[in-house]
N, C-alpha and C. Protein backbone atom coordinates (compact mmCIF):
# COMPACT_ATOMS: atom_id res chain seq x y z
N MET A 1 6.89 -32.08 27.39
CA MET A 1 7.18 -33.42 26.92
C MET A 1 8.43 -33.41 26.05
N ILE A 2 9.22 -34.44 26.15
CA ILE A 2 10.47 -34.54 25.40
C ILE A 2 10.19 -34.55 23.91
N GLY A 3 10.96 -33.77 23.18
CA GLY A 3 10.89 -33.75 21.73
C GLY A 3 9.85 -32.81 21.14
N GLU A 4 9.05 -32.16 21.96
CA GLU A 4 8.05 -31.24 21.42
C GLU A 4 8.64 -29.86 21.23
N LEU A 5 8.20 -29.21 20.18
CA LEU A 5 8.63 -27.85 19.89
C LEU A 5 7.54 -26.89 20.35
N PRO A 6 7.87 -25.90 21.18
CA PRO A 6 6.84 -25.01 21.70
C PRO A 6 6.13 -24.21 20.62
N GLN A 7 4.82 -24.19 20.72
CA GLN A 7 3.97 -23.39 19.84
C GLN A 7 3.28 -22.27 20.63
N ALA A 8 3.51 -22.27 21.96
CA ALA A 8 2.94 -21.27 22.86
C ALA A 8 3.89 -21.12 24.04
N LEU A 9 3.81 -19.96 24.69
CA LEU A 9 4.63 -19.70 25.88
C LEU A 9 3.72 -19.38 27.05
N GLU A 10 4.11 -19.86 28.23
CA GLU A 10 3.31 -19.61 29.43
C GLU A 10 3.70 -18.28 30.06
N VAL A 11 2.71 -17.44 30.21
CA VAL A 11 2.89 -16.13 30.83
C VAL A 11 1.77 -15.95 31.85
N GLY A 12 2.12 -15.79 33.10
CA GLY A 12 1.11 -15.62 34.15
C GLY A 12 0.17 -16.80 34.25
N GLY A 13 0.68 -18.00 33.97
CA GLY A 13 -0.14 -19.20 34.07
C GLY A 13 -1.03 -19.46 32.86
N VAL A 14 -0.95 -18.62 31.84
CA VAL A 14 -1.77 -18.77 30.63
C VAL A 14 -0.84 -19.05 29.45
N MET A 15 -1.26 -19.96 28.57
CA MET A 15 -0.48 -20.26 27.37
C MET A 15 -0.88 -19.30 26.25
N TYR A 16 0.11 -18.59 25.70
CA TYR A 16 -0.11 -17.65 24.62
C TYR A 16 0.54 -18.20 23.35
N PRO A 17 -0.23 -18.41 22.28
CA PRO A 17 0.34 -18.92 21.03
C PRO A 17 1.39 -17.96 20.48
N ILE A 18 2.42 -18.55 19.87
CA ILE A 18 3.50 -17.74 19.30
C ILE A 18 3.69 -18.06 17.82
N ASN A 19 4.35 -17.15 17.14
CA ASN A 19 4.80 -17.36 15.76
C ASN A 19 6.16 -18.04 15.85
N SER A 20 6.16 -19.35 15.74
CA SER A 20 7.37 -20.12 16.02
C SER A 20 8.26 -20.37 14.81
N ASP A 21 7.85 -19.92 13.62
CA ASP A 21 8.68 -20.08 12.44
C ASP A 21 9.96 -19.25 12.60
N TYR A 22 11.07 -19.76 12.08
CA TYR A 22 12.36 -19.08 12.24
C TYR A 22 12.36 -17.67 11.69
N ARG A 23 11.54 -17.39 10.70
CA ARG A 23 11.52 -16.07 10.07
C ARG A 23 11.15 -14.97 11.09
N TYR A 24 10.25 -15.31 12.02
CA TYR A 24 9.87 -14.33 13.05
C TYR A 24 11.04 -14.05 13.99
N ALA A 25 11.79 -15.09 14.34
CA ALA A 25 12.96 -14.89 15.19
C ALA A 25 13.97 -13.97 14.51
N LEU A 26 14.18 -14.18 13.22
CA LEU A 26 15.15 -13.34 12.51
C LEU A 26 14.65 -11.90 12.40
N LEU A 27 13.33 -11.71 12.26
CA LEU A 27 12.79 -10.34 12.26
C LEU A 27 13.04 -9.66 13.61
N ILE A 28 12.88 -10.43 14.68
CA ILE A 28 13.12 -9.89 16.01
C ILE A 28 14.59 -9.51 16.17
N PHE A 29 15.50 -10.35 15.66
CA PHE A 29 16.92 -10.03 15.76
C PHE A 29 17.26 -8.78 14.96
N GLU A 30 16.56 -8.56 13.85
CA GLU A 30 16.77 -7.31 13.10
C GLU A 30 16.40 -6.11 13.97
N ALA A 31 15.28 -6.23 14.68
CA ALA A 31 14.88 -5.14 15.58
C ALA A 31 15.90 -4.96 16.69
N PHE A 32 16.37 -6.05 17.27
CA PHE A 32 17.37 -5.97 18.35
C PHE A 32 18.64 -5.27 17.89
N ASN A 33 18.99 -5.43 16.61
CA ASN A 33 20.22 -4.84 16.08
C ASN A 33 20.02 -3.47 15.44
N ASP A 34 18.80 -2.96 15.47
CA ASP A 34 18.50 -1.67 14.85
C ASP A 34 18.97 -0.54 15.76
N PRO A 35 19.98 0.23 15.33
CA PRO A 35 20.48 1.32 16.17
C PRO A 35 19.49 2.46 16.35
N GLU A 36 18.44 2.49 15.53
CA GLU A 36 17.43 3.55 15.63
C GLU A 36 16.45 3.31 16.77
N LEU A 37 16.35 2.05 17.23
CA LEU A 37 15.36 1.70 18.25
C LEU A 37 15.94 1.77 19.66
N GLU A 38 15.14 2.29 20.57
CA GLU A 38 15.48 2.28 21.99
C GLU A 38 15.20 0.89 22.54
N ILE A 39 15.77 0.56 23.69
CA ILE A 39 15.62 -0.76 24.29
C ILE A 39 14.14 -1.13 24.50
N GLU A 40 13.32 -0.18 24.90
CA GLU A 40 11.89 -0.44 25.12
C GLU A 40 11.21 -0.78 23.80
N ASP A 41 11.61 -0.09 22.73
CA ASP A 41 11.04 -0.35 21.41
C ASP A 41 11.44 -1.73 20.90
N LYS A 42 12.66 -2.14 21.21
CA LYS A 42 13.12 -3.47 20.80
C LYS A 42 12.31 -4.55 21.51
N ALA A 43 12.08 -4.35 22.80
CA ALA A 43 11.28 -5.32 23.57
C ALA A 43 9.85 -5.37 23.04
N ALA A 44 9.28 -4.20 22.74
CA ALA A 44 7.92 -4.14 22.20
C ALA A 44 7.84 -4.83 20.84
N ALA A 45 8.85 -4.62 20.00
CA ALA A 45 8.89 -5.28 18.69
C ALA A 45 8.96 -6.79 18.85
N CYS A 46 9.74 -7.23 19.82
CA CYS A 46 9.88 -8.67 20.10
C CYS A 46 8.53 -9.26 20.47
N ILE A 47 7.85 -8.64 21.40
CA ILE A 47 6.57 -9.16 21.88
C ILE A 47 5.52 -9.13 20.77
N SER A 48 5.44 -8.02 20.04
CA SER A 48 4.42 -7.91 19.00
C SER A 48 4.68 -8.84 17.82
N CYS A 49 5.93 -9.18 17.59
CA CYS A 49 6.27 -10.07 16.49
C CYS A 49 6.12 -11.55 16.89
N LEU A 50 6.55 -11.89 18.09
CA LEU A 50 6.56 -13.30 18.49
C LEU A 50 5.17 -13.81 18.89
N TYR A 51 4.45 -13.04 19.67
CA TYR A 51 3.14 -13.51 20.15
C TYR A 51 2.08 -13.28 19.08
N CYS A 52 1.24 -14.27 18.87
CA CYS A 52 0.17 -14.17 17.86
C CYS A 52 -0.84 -13.10 18.21
N GLN A 53 -1.14 -12.95 19.50
CA GLN A 53 -2.10 -11.94 19.95
C GLN A 53 -1.49 -11.15 21.12
N PRO A 54 -0.51 -10.32 20.82
CA PRO A 54 0.18 -9.60 21.91
C PRO A 54 -0.74 -8.69 22.71
N GLU A 55 -1.81 -8.21 22.07
CA GLU A 55 -2.73 -7.32 22.78
C GLU A 55 -3.49 -8.05 23.88
N SER A 56 -3.50 -9.38 23.85
CA SER A 56 -4.22 -10.14 24.88
C SER A 56 -3.39 -10.35 26.15
N ILE A 57 -2.13 -9.95 26.11
CA ILE A 57 -1.27 -10.09 27.28
C ILE A 57 -1.49 -8.87 28.18
N PRO A 58 -1.87 -9.11 29.43
CA PRO A 58 -2.10 -7.97 30.35
C PRO A 58 -0.82 -7.15 30.53
N PRO A 59 -0.93 -5.84 30.61
CA PRO A 59 0.24 -4.96 30.75
C PRO A 59 1.17 -5.36 31.89
N GLU A 60 0.61 -5.82 33.00
CA GLU A 60 1.45 -6.20 34.15
C GLU A 60 2.25 -7.47 33.90
N LEU A 61 1.96 -8.18 32.78
CA LEU A 61 2.69 -9.41 32.47
C LEU A 61 3.64 -9.24 31.28
N ILE A 62 3.77 -8.02 30.77
CA ILE A 62 4.62 -7.78 29.59
C ILE A 62 6.07 -8.15 29.87
N GLU A 63 6.58 -7.81 31.05
CA GLU A 63 7.96 -8.14 31.37
C GLU A 63 8.17 -9.66 31.36
N GLU A 64 7.23 -10.39 31.96
CA GLU A 64 7.32 -11.86 31.96
C GLU A 64 7.21 -12.40 30.53
N ALA A 65 6.33 -11.79 29.73
CA ALA A 65 6.17 -12.22 28.33
C ALA A 65 7.48 -12.01 27.57
N TYR A 66 8.15 -10.91 27.86
CA TYR A 66 9.44 -10.64 27.21
C TYR A 66 10.49 -11.66 27.65
N GLU A 67 10.54 -11.96 28.94
CA GLU A 67 11.50 -12.95 29.45
C GLU A 67 11.25 -14.31 28.81
N GLN A 68 10.00 -14.69 28.66
CA GLN A 68 9.66 -15.96 28.01
C GLN A 68 10.08 -15.93 26.53
N ALA A 69 9.89 -14.79 25.89
CA ALA A 69 10.29 -14.64 24.49
C ALA A 69 11.79 -14.82 24.33
N VAL A 70 12.56 -14.20 25.23
CA VAL A 70 14.02 -14.32 25.17
C VAL A 70 14.43 -15.77 25.41
N TRP A 71 13.76 -16.44 26.36
CA TRP A 71 14.03 -17.87 26.61
C TRP A 71 13.81 -18.67 25.33
N PHE A 72 12.69 -18.40 24.64
CA PHE A 72 12.38 -19.10 23.39
C PHE A 72 13.44 -18.80 22.33
N LEU A 73 13.79 -17.52 22.16
CA LEU A 73 14.77 -17.13 21.14
C LEU A 73 16.14 -17.71 21.43
N ASP A 74 16.45 -17.91 22.71
CA ASP A 74 17.73 -18.52 23.10
C ASP A 74 17.74 -20.03 22.91
N GLY A 75 16.65 -20.59 22.46
CA GLY A 75 16.59 -22.03 22.25
C GLY A 75 16.15 -22.80 23.47
N GLY A 76 15.51 -22.12 24.41
CA GLY A 76 15.04 -22.81 25.61
C GLY A 76 16.18 -23.10 26.56
N ASP A 77 16.29 -24.33 26.92
CA ASP A 77 17.30 -24.73 27.90
C ASP A 77 18.58 -25.23 27.27
N ILE A 78 18.82 -24.86 26.01
CA ILE A 78 20.05 -25.26 25.34
C ILE A 78 21.22 -24.58 26.04
N PRO A 79 22.21 -25.39 26.49
CA PRO A 79 23.36 -24.75 27.14
C PRO A 79 24.17 -23.94 26.14
N HIS A 80 24.49 -22.72 26.52
CA HIS A 80 25.28 -21.83 25.67
C HIS A 80 26.61 -21.52 26.37
N GLY A 81 27.59 -21.16 25.58
CA GLY A 81 28.85 -20.70 26.16
C GLY A 81 28.64 -19.39 26.89
N THR A 82 29.59 -19.02 27.70
CA THR A 82 29.46 -17.81 28.49
C THR A 82 29.94 -16.57 27.74
N SER A 83 30.57 -16.75 26.58
CA SER A 83 31.10 -15.63 25.83
C SER A 83 29.97 -14.77 25.25
N LYS A 84 30.10 -13.47 25.44
CA LYS A 84 29.13 -12.53 24.89
C LYS A 84 29.72 -11.81 23.68
N VAL A 85 30.84 -12.31 23.17
CA VAL A 85 31.49 -11.71 22.01
C VAL A 85 30.65 -12.03 20.77
N LYS A 86 30.33 -11.01 20.01
CA LYS A 86 29.53 -11.20 18.80
C LYS A 86 30.42 -11.76 17.70
N THR A 87 30.07 -12.95 17.23
CA THR A 87 30.88 -13.59 16.19
C THR A 87 30.14 -13.75 14.87
N TYR A 88 28.86 -13.42 14.86
CA TYR A 88 28.11 -13.44 13.61
C TYR A 88 26.98 -12.44 13.69
N ASP A 89 26.51 -12.06 12.51
CA ASP A 89 25.41 -11.11 12.39
C ASP A 89 24.43 -11.72 11.41
N TRP A 90 23.20 -11.95 11.86
CA TRP A 90 22.21 -12.63 11.02
C TRP A 90 22.03 -11.92 9.69
N LYS A 91 22.08 -10.61 9.66
CA LYS A 91 21.86 -9.86 8.42
C LYS A 91 23.12 -9.85 7.55
N GLN A 92 24.23 -9.46 8.13
CA GLN A 92 25.48 -9.38 7.35
C GLN A 92 25.89 -10.75 6.83
N ASP A 93 25.72 -11.78 7.63
CA ASP A 93 26.18 -13.13 7.27
C ASP A 93 25.08 -13.98 6.63
N GLU A 94 23.98 -13.34 6.24
CA GLU A 94 22.81 -14.05 5.74
C GLU A 94 23.16 -15.11 4.67
N ALA A 95 23.89 -14.73 3.65
CA ALA A 95 24.20 -15.67 2.56
C ALA A 95 25.01 -16.85 3.07
N LEU A 96 25.99 -16.58 3.92
CA LEU A 96 26.81 -17.66 4.48
C LEU A 96 25.99 -18.57 5.38
N ILE A 97 25.15 -17.97 6.22
CA ILE A 97 24.34 -18.74 7.16
C ILE A 97 23.37 -19.65 6.41
N PHE A 98 22.64 -19.09 5.46
CA PHE A 98 21.64 -19.92 4.77
C PHE A 98 22.29 -21.00 3.92
N SER A 99 23.41 -20.71 3.33
CA SER A 99 24.12 -21.74 2.57
C SER A 99 24.50 -22.90 3.49
N ALA A 100 25.05 -22.58 4.67
CA ALA A 100 25.47 -23.61 5.61
C ALA A 100 24.27 -24.35 6.21
N VAL A 101 23.22 -23.62 6.57
CA VAL A 101 22.01 -24.24 7.14
C VAL A 101 21.36 -25.15 6.10
N ASN A 102 21.27 -24.69 4.86
CA ASN A 102 20.70 -25.53 3.81
C ASN A 102 21.50 -26.82 3.64
N ASN A 103 22.80 -26.72 3.76
CA ASN A 103 23.66 -27.90 3.65
C ASN A 103 23.33 -28.91 4.75
N VAL A 104 23.15 -28.43 5.96
CA VAL A 104 22.82 -29.31 7.08
C VAL A 104 21.41 -29.87 6.92
N ALA A 105 20.45 -29.01 6.54
CA ALA A 105 19.05 -29.41 6.41
C ALA A 105 18.80 -30.27 5.17
N LYS A 106 19.72 -30.24 4.24
CA LYS A 106 19.60 -30.96 2.97
C LYS A 106 18.40 -30.49 2.15
N ARG A 107 18.08 -29.19 2.31
CA ARG A 107 16.99 -28.57 1.56
C ARG A 107 17.13 -27.06 1.66
N GLU A 108 16.38 -26.36 0.85
CA GLU A 108 16.32 -24.90 0.91
C GLU A 108 15.32 -24.51 1.99
N VAL A 109 15.82 -24.01 3.12
CA VAL A 109 14.93 -23.68 4.24
C VAL A 109 14.13 -22.41 3.99
N ARG A 110 14.55 -21.59 3.02
CA ARG A 110 13.85 -20.34 2.74
C ARG A 110 12.72 -20.51 1.73
N GLU A 111 12.44 -21.73 1.34
CA GLU A 111 11.38 -21.95 0.36
C GLU A 111 10.08 -21.33 0.87
N PRO A 112 9.45 -20.48 0.05
CA PRO A 112 8.23 -19.80 0.49
C PRO A 112 7.15 -20.78 0.93
N GLY A 113 6.50 -20.44 2.03
CA GLY A 113 5.39 -21.24 2.52
C GLY A 113 5.79 -22.49 3.29
N VAL A 114 7.08 -22.76 3.38
CA VAL A 114 7.52 -23.95 4.11
C VAL A 114 7.93 -23.54 5.52
N TYR A 115 7.21 -24.09 6.49
CA TYR A 115 7.42 -23.78 7.90
C TYR A 115 8.64 -24.52 8.44
N THR A 116 9.47 -23.80 9.18
CA THR A 116 10.58 -24.40 9.93
C THR A 116 10.59 -23.76 11.31
N HIS A 117 10.37 -24.57 12.33
CA HIS A 117 10.35 -24.07 13.71
C HIS A 117 11.70 -23.43 14.02
N TRP A 118 11.69 -22.36 14.81
CA TRP A 118 12.92 -21.67 15.18
C TRP A 118 13.93 -22.61 15.80
N TRP A 119 13.49 -23.51 16.69
CA TRP A 119 14.44 -24.41 17.34
C TRP A 119 15.02 -25.42 16.36
N THR A 120 14.26 -25.81 15.35
CA THR A 120 14.78 -26.69 14.30
C THR A 120 15.85 -25.95 13.52
N PHE A 121 15.56 -24.70 13.15
CA PHE A 121 16.53 -23.88 12.43
C PHE A 121 17.78 -23.69 13.28
N LEU A 122 17.60 -23.40 14.56
CA LEU A 122 18.72 -23.22 15.48
C LEU A 122 19.55 -24.50 15.58
N GLY A 123 18.88 -25.65 15.59
CA GLY A 123 19.58 -26.93 15.60
C GLY A 123 20.43 -27.12 14.35
N TYR A 124 19.86 -26.78 13.20
CA TYR A 124 20.63 -26.83 11.95
C TYR A 124 21.85 -25.92 12.07
N PHE A 125 21.63 -24.71 12.56
CA PHE A 125 22.70 -23.72 12.68
C PHE A 125 23.83 -24.24 13.57
N MET A 126 23.46 -24.88 14.68
CA MET A 126 24.48 -25.37 15.62
C MET A 126 25.25 -26.58 15.07
N GLU A 127 24.71 -27.23 14.05
CA GLU A 127 25.37 -28.41 13.48
C GLU A 127 26.21 -28.08 12.25
N ILE A 128 26.35 -26.79 11.95
CA ILE A 128 27.15 -26.40 10.79
C ILE A 128 28.59 -26.86 11.00
N GLY A 129 29.10 -27.54 10.00
CA GLY A 129 30.47 -28.05 10.08
C GLY A 129 31.46 -27.13 9.40
N GLU A 130 32.54 -27.73 8.92
CA GLU A 130 33.59 -26.96 8.26
C GLU A 130 33.06 -26.30 7.00
N GLY A 131 33.48 -25.07 6.79
CA GLY A 131 33.07 -24.31 5.62
C GLY A 131 33.44 -22.86 5.80
N ILE A 132 32.98 -22.03 4.90
CA ILE A 132 33.33 -20.61 4.95
C ILE A 132 32.80 -19.95 6.21
N LEU A 133 31.54 -20.22 6.57
CA LEU A 133 30.97 -19.60 7.76
C LEU A 133 31.75 -19.97 9.02
N SER A 134 32.07 -21.24 9.17
CA SER A 134 32.82 -21.64 10.37
C SER A 134 34.22 -21.03 10.38
N THR A 135 34.82 -20.86 9.22
CA THR A 135 36.13 -20.21 9.14
C THR A 135 36.02 -18.75 9.56
N VAL A 136 35.01 -18.07 9.05
CA VAL A 136 34.80 -16.65 9.38
C VAL A 136 34.58 -16.49 10.88
N ILE A 137 33.70 -17.32 11.46
CA ILE A 137 33.41 -17.24 12.89
C ILE A 137 34.65 -17.56 13.72
N HIS A 138 35.42 -18.55 13.29
CA HIS A 138 36.64 -18.92 14.02
C HIS A 138 37.64 -17.75 14.05
N ILE A 139 37.81 -17.09 12.92
CA ILE A 139 38.74 -15.95 12.85
C ILE A 139 38.22 -14.81 13.73
N ARG A 140 36.92 -14.54 13.67
CA ARG A 140 36.35 -13.49 14.52
C ARG A 140 36.57 -13.80 15.99
N LYS A 141 36.38 -15.05 16.40
CA LYS A 141 36.57 -15.43 17.80
C LYS A 141 38.02 -15.22 18.22
N LYS A 142 38.95 -15.64 17.37
CA LYS A 142 40.37 -15.47 17.71
C LYS A 142 40.72 -13.99 17.82
N GLN A 143 40.23 -13.19 16.91
CA GLN A 143 40.52 -11.76 16.96
C GLN A 143 39.92 -11.13 18.21
N ALA A 144 38.71 -11.53 18.56
CA ALA A 144 38.05 -10.96 19.75
C ALA A 144 38.81 -11.30 21.03
N LYS A 145 39.45 -12.46 21.04
CA LYS A 145 40.21 -12.89 22.21
C LYS A 145 41.66 -12.41 22.17
N GLY A 146 42.03 -11.71 21.08
CA GLY A 146 43.38 -11.19 20.96
C GLY A 146 44.41 -12.25 20.63
N LYS A 147 43.96 -13.38 20.10
CA LYS A 147 44.87 -14.47 19.74
C LYS A 147 45.44 -14.23 18.35
N PRO A 148 46.68 -14.61 18.14
CA PRO A 148 47.27 -14.42 16.81
C PRO A 148 46.64 -15.39 15.80
N LEU A 149 46.51 -14.92 14.58
CA LEU A 149 45.97 -15.76 13.51
C LEU A 149 47.09 -16.54 12.85
N ALA A 150 46.78 -17.77 12.45
CA ALA A 150 47.72 -18.60 11.70
C ALA A 150 47.90 -18.00 10.30
N LYS A 151 48.94 -18.42 9.62
CA LYS A 151 49.24 -17.87 8.30
C LYS A 151 48.05 -18.03 7.34
N HIS A 152 47.43 -19.21 7.31
CA HIS A 152 46.31 -19.44 6.40
C HIS A 152 45.09 -18.59 6.79
N GLU A 153 44.96 -18.30 8.09
CA GLU A 153 43.86 -17.44 8.54
C GLU A 153 44.11 -15.99 8.13
N LEU A 154 45.36 -15.55 8.24
CA LEU A 154 45.72 -14.20 7.79
C LEU A 154 45.48 -14.04 6.29
N GLU A 155 45.81 -15.07 5.54
CA GLU A 155 45.58 -15.03 4.09
C GLU A 155 44.09 -14.95 3.79
N PHE A 156 43.30 -15.77 4.50
CA PHE A 156 41.86 -15.76 4.31
C PHE A 156 41.30 -14.38 4.64
N LEU A 157 41.74 -13.81 5.76
CA LEU A 157 41.28 -12.48 6.17
C LEU A 157 41.64 -11.44 5.12
N SER A 158 42.86 -11.50 4.62
CA SER A 158 43.32 -10.55 3.62
C SER A 158 42.47 -10.63 2.34
N GLU A 159 42.12 -11.84 1.94
CA GLU A 159 41.37 -12.05 0.71
C GLU A 159 39.86 -11.87 0.89
N ASN A 160 39.39 -11.94 2.14
CA ASN A 160 37.95 -11.92 2.40
C ASN A 160 37.57 -10.96 3.54
N ARG A 161 38.25 -9.85 3.60
CA ARG A 161 38.01 -8.88 4.68
C ARG A 161 36.53 -8.49 4.77
N ASN A 162 35.89 -8.32 3.62
CA ASN A 162 34.47 -7.93 3.62
C ASN A 162 33.57 -8.99 4.25
N LEU A 163 34.00 -10.25 4.23
CA LEU A 163 33.22 -11.32 4.88
C LEU A 163 33.52 -11.41 6.37
N VAL A 164 34.77 -11.20 6.74
CA VAL A 164 35.21 -11.45 8.11
C VAL A 164 34.89 -10.29 9.05
N VAL A 165 35.13 -9.07 8.62
CA VAL A 165 34.97 -7.93 9.52
C VAL A 165 33.49 -7.62 9.72
N LEU A 166 33.06 -7.66 10.97
CA LEU A 166 31.68 -7.30 11.30
C LEU A 166 31.51 -5.80 11.19
N ARG A 167 30.55 -5.39 10.38
CA ARG A 167 30.29 -3.96 10.20
C ARG A 167 29.42 -3.45 11.34
N GLN A 168 29.75 -2.29 11.80
CA GLN A 168 28.96 -1.63 12.85
C GLN A 168 27.74 -1.01 12.19
N ARG A 169 26.57 -1.33 12.69
CA ARG A 169 25.35 -0.72 12.16
C ARG A 169 25.24 0.70 12.71
N MET A 170 24.88 1.60 11.81
CA MET A 170 24.76 3.01 12.20
C MET A 170 23.31 3.46 12.10
N SER A 171 22.99 4.42 12.94
CA SER A 171 21.67 5.06 12.84
C SER A 171 21.68 5.90 11.57
N ALA A 172 20.51 6.36 11.15
CA ALA A 172 20.41 7.20 9.95
C ALA A 172 21.24 8.46 10.12
N GLU A 173 21.22 9.02 11.33
CA GLU A 173 22.00 10.23 11.61
C GLU A 173 23.51 9.95 11.49
N GLU A 174 23.95 8.85 12.07
CA GLU A 174 25.37 8.48 12.00
C GLU A 174 25.78 8.20 10.56
N GLN A 175 24.90 7.52 9.80
CA GLN A 175 25.19 7.21 8.40
C GLN A 175 25.33 8.50 7.59
N ALA A 176 24.44 9.46 7.81
CA ALA A 176 24.51 10.74 7.09
C ALA A 176 25.80 11.49 7.42
N GLU A 177 26.18 11.48 8.70
CA GLU A 177 27.42 12.14 9.12
C GLU A 177 28.63 11.47 8.48
N TYR A 178 28.64 10.13 8.47
CA TYR A 178 29.73 9.37 7.86
C TYR A 178 29.84 9.70 6.37
N GLU A 179 28.71 9.70 5.67
CA GLU A 179 28.71 9.99 4.24
C GLU A 179 29.17 11.41 3.95
N ALA A 180 28.80 12.36 4.80
CA ALA A 180 29.23 13.75 4.63
C ALA A 180 30.75 13.86 4.80
N GLU A 181 31.28 13.19 5.81
CA GLU A 181 32.73 13.20 6.03
C GLU A 181 33.45 12.54 4.86
N GLU A 182 32.91 11.43 4.39
CA GLU A 182 33.52 10.72 3.26
C GLU A 182 33.50 11.59 2.00
N ALA A 183 32.38 12.28 1.76
CA ALA A 183 32.28 13.17 0.60
C ALA A 183 33.29 14.31 0.70
N PHE A 184 33.47 14.85 1.92
CA PHE A 184 34.43 15.93 2.13
C PHE A 184 35.86 15.44 1.84
N VAL A 185 36.20 14.28 2.36
CA VAL A 185 37.54 13.71 2.12
C VAL A 185 37.75 13.45 0.65
N ASN A 186 36.75 12.89 -0.02
CA ASN A 186 36.86 12.62 -1.46
C ASN A 186 37.04 13.91 -2.25
N SER A 187 36.34 14.97 -1.83
CA SER A 187 36.47 16.25 -2.53
C SER A 187 37.88 16.81 -2.38
N LEU A 188 38.51 16.58 -1.24
CA LEU A 188 39.89 17.04 -1.03
C LEU A 188 40.84 16.33 -1.98
N PHE A 189 40.62 15.03 -2.16
CA PHE A 189 41.48 14.26 -3.05
C PHE A 189 41.27 14.68 -4.50
N LYS A 190 40.07 15.02 -4.87
CA LYS A 190 39.78 15.44 -6.25
C LYS A 190 40.44 16.79 -6.54
N LYS A 191 40.43 17.69 -5.54
CA LYS A 191 41.05 19.01 -5.71
C LYS A 191 42.56 18.88 -5.86
N GLY A 192 43.13 17.97 -5.09
CA GLY A 192 44.58 17.81 -5.10
C GLY A 192 45.07 16.99 -6.27
N GLY A 193 44.18 16.19 -6.89
CA GLY A 193 44.58 15.24 -7.93
C GLY A 193 44.53 15.82 -9.25
């Protein structure tokens, strides 16, 4: 029916209740972005987090349950652009995203105990207007497409590099290796200085 927000997903002809609050979607995205998890683990995390009773889904329907979950997380039948370029990160951009979403929602959406359907949150997110988040995303899109930045965009990037540059998430092993290399380089500078 028009205007209804899904509270369950159909899998194998059966409706399975879901955790439709936006917080569950963001938890799933954290799992999707976790470099420590294999693809199968990410799918399992998605199903166990989104469905209220994942154990009630027959094993032969898990793939369909996952496809339905992805459909839900994508906002259903909302038309999306074809670009697969990552222009935001829910975790890295958290402060910017919530500030902008709160502005659109005209309230604090993170207030404890206050339910906000994922699609409502997604609607707020898609209606974000001019501001820091939109500037950051615009610069990231231009850089990803290899387009030159305007003077004011270059200035913004120079002054806000930590906001604009998407950080690559590393596994624990990669992080340890990076820190060891950094410590070695720092030790060289201390010896020479």
